[in-house]
Amino acid sequence: MEQFSQILDRPRDLSASERSALRKDVVEFFVEEYELEADALHDDVDLVADIGMDSLTFLELFDEINANHQLDLDLRAVAKYAQNHPAATLGAFLQQLFLLIEGKVDLSAVEAAENRT
């Protein structure tokens, strides 16, 4: 997996090549985790109904991306955000991932809301 050390300088938009590399990493994860063909993983694939993804697998995927790309995303806050904003399809998941990495989701607000309850 390619590393994006400059991603830590958030917020900023990811380049097309960074988005492509992240998409490739996510597809490779699903290919390995679920023994799927990469060609079957298009943006409209339903993560739960078609692939069988669950919350634990979601966290494993984010943890792997976080570590392999040297990101500093709070996995607890990411999990809470994803729980409140579920991504049904691969395309929606990728868009959510890009927004999180680009710093366009205020994870501190997610944590603050969690602490109030």
Protein backbone atom coordinates (compact mmCIF):
# COMPACT_ATOMS: atom_id res chain seq x y z
CA MET A 1 0.00 0.00 0.00
CA GLU A 2 1.18 3.44 -0.89
CA GLN A 3 1.82 5.86 1.96
CA PHE A 4 0.47 9.39 1.98
CA SER A 5 2.45 11.19 4.64
CA GLN A 6 1.28 14.52 3.27
CA ILE A 7 -2.30 13.53 4.08
CA LEU A 8 -1.51 14.46 7.64
CA ASP A 9 -1.48 18.08 6.47
CA ARG A 10 -5.27 18.10 6.50
CA PRO A 11 -7.58 19.54 5.40
CA ARG A 12 -6.76 19.22 1.75
CA ASP A 13 -8.26 17.45 -1.23
CA LEU A 14 -6.80 14.12 -2.22
CA SER A 15 -5.37 13.94 -5.72
CA ALA A 16 -6.86 11.60 -8.30
CA SER A 17 -3.88 9.27 -7.92
CA GLU A 18 -4.28 9.19 -4.12
CA ARG A 19 -7.98 8.39 -4.47
CA SER A 20 -7.17 5.68 -6.99
CA ALA A 21 -4.52 4.15 -4.71
CA LEU A 22 -6.91 4.16 -1.74
CA ARG A 23 -9.65 2.58 -3.86
CA LYS A 24 -7.19 -0.11 -4.95
CA ASP A 25 -6.25 -0.78 -1.31
CA VAL A 26 -9.91 -1.08 -0.27
CA VAL A 27 -10.67 -3.44 -3.18
CA GLU A 28 -7.59 -5.55 -2.32
CA PHE A 29 -8.80 -5.75 1.28
CA PHE A 30 -12.21 -7.08 0.17
CA VAL A 31 -10.61 -9.49 -2.31
CA GLU A 32 -8.44 -10.95 0.45
CA GLU A 33 -11.01 -10.82 3.27
CA TYR A 34 -13.97 -12.22 1.31
CA GLU A 35 -12.20 -14.11 -1.51
CA LEU A 36 -13.92 -12.00 -4.16
CA GLU A 37 -12.88 -11.11 -7.69
CA ALA A 38 -11.73 -7.49 -7.98
CA ASP A 39 -13.86 -7.04 -11.12
CA ALA A 40 -16.99 -7.74 -9.05
CA LEU A 41 -16.28 -4.81 -6.73
CA HIS A 42 -17.92 -1.85 -8.46
CA ASP A 43 -19.23 1.28 -6.76
CA ASP A 44 -22.83 -0.03 -6.57
CA VAL A 45 -21.93 -3.20 -4.65
CA ASP A 46 -23.88 -3.34 -1.38
CA LEU A 47 -21.36 -3.84 1.41
CA VAL A 48 -23.71 -5.80 3.66
CA ALA A 49 -26.07 -7.60 1.26
CA ASP A 50 -23.57 -8.41 -1.51
CA ILE A 51 -20.30 -8.72 0.43
CA GLY A 52 -21.36 -9.48 4.00
CA MET A 53 -19.35 -6.70 5.61
CA ASP A 54 -19.94 -6.17 9.31
CA SER A 55 -18.82 -3.54 11.80
CA LEU A 56 -15.76 -5.54 12.87
CA THR A 57 -14.55 -5.83 9.28
CA PHE A 58 -15.17 -2.11 8.83
CA LEU A 59 -12.89 -1.38 11.79
CA GLU A 60 -10.24 -3.79 10.51
CA LEU A 61 -10.27 -2.04 7.14
CA PHE A 62 -10.00 1.44 8.66
CA ASP A 63 -7.28 0.27 11.02
CA GLU A 64 -5.30 -1.15 8.11
CA ILE A 65 -5.69 2.03 6.06
CA ASN A 66 -4.83 4.16 9.09
CA ALA A 67 -1.64 2.19 9.74
CA ASN A 68 -0.50 1.63 6.16
CA HIS A 69 -0.94 5.25 5.16
CA GLN A 70 0.41 6.66 8.42
CA LEU A 71 -2.80 8.53 9.15
CA ASP A 72 -3.81 9.78 12.53
CA LEU A 73 -7.52 9.03 12.50
CA ASP A 74 -9.18 8.23 15.82
CA LEU A 75 -10.73 4.84 15.07
CA ARG A 76 -13.27 5.18 17.88
CA ALA A 77 -14.53 8.47 16.43
CA VAL A 78 -14.47 7.03 12.90
CA ALA A 79 -16.53 4.05 14.07
CA LYS A 80 -19.06 6.31 15.78
CA TYR A 81 -19.29 8.52 12.69
CA ALA A 82 -19.80 5.48 10.45
CA GLN A 83 -22.45 4.13 12.79
CA ASN A 84 -24.37 7.41 12.51
CA HIS A 85 -23.67 7.79 8.76
CA PRO A 86 -23.63 4.26 7.32
CA ALA A 87 -22.30 3.80 3.80
CA ALA A 88 -24.36 1.14 2.04
CA THR A 89 -22.31 0.77 -1.13
CA LEU A 90 -18.63 0.56 -1.97
CA GLY A 91 -18.83 3.92 -3.74
CA ALA A 92 -20.44 5.58 -0.71
CA PHE A 93 -17.85 3.99 1.58
CA LEU A 94 -15.01 5.31 -0.57
CA GLN A 95 -16.49 8.82 -0.57
CA GLN A 96 -16.79 8.63 3.22
CA LEU A 97 -13.18 7.46 3.46
CA PHE A 98 -11.97 10.32 1.28
CA LEU A 99 -13.87 12.89 3.36
CA LEU A 100 -12.44 11.49 6.58
CA ILE A 101 -8.89 11.52 5.28
CA GLU A 102 -9.29 14.99 3.79
CA GLY A 103 -10.39 16.27 7.18
CA LYS A 104 -13.82 17.29 5.91
CA VAL A 105 -15.56 15.41 8.71
CA ASP A 106 -15.20 16.97 12.13
CA LEU A 107 -14.40 13.90 14.22
CA SER A 108 -13.92 16.05 17.30
CA ALA A 109 -17.63 16.96 17.08
CA VAL A 110 -18.46 13.25 16.92
CA GLU A 111 -16.41 12.66 20.07
CA ALA A 112 -17.95 15.68 21.83
CA ALA A 113 -21.46 14.43 21.07
CA GLU A 114 -20.51 11.02 22.41
CA ASN A 115 -19.21 12.55 25.65
CA ARG A 116 -22.50 14.45 26.20
CA THR A 117 -24.55 11.29 26.21
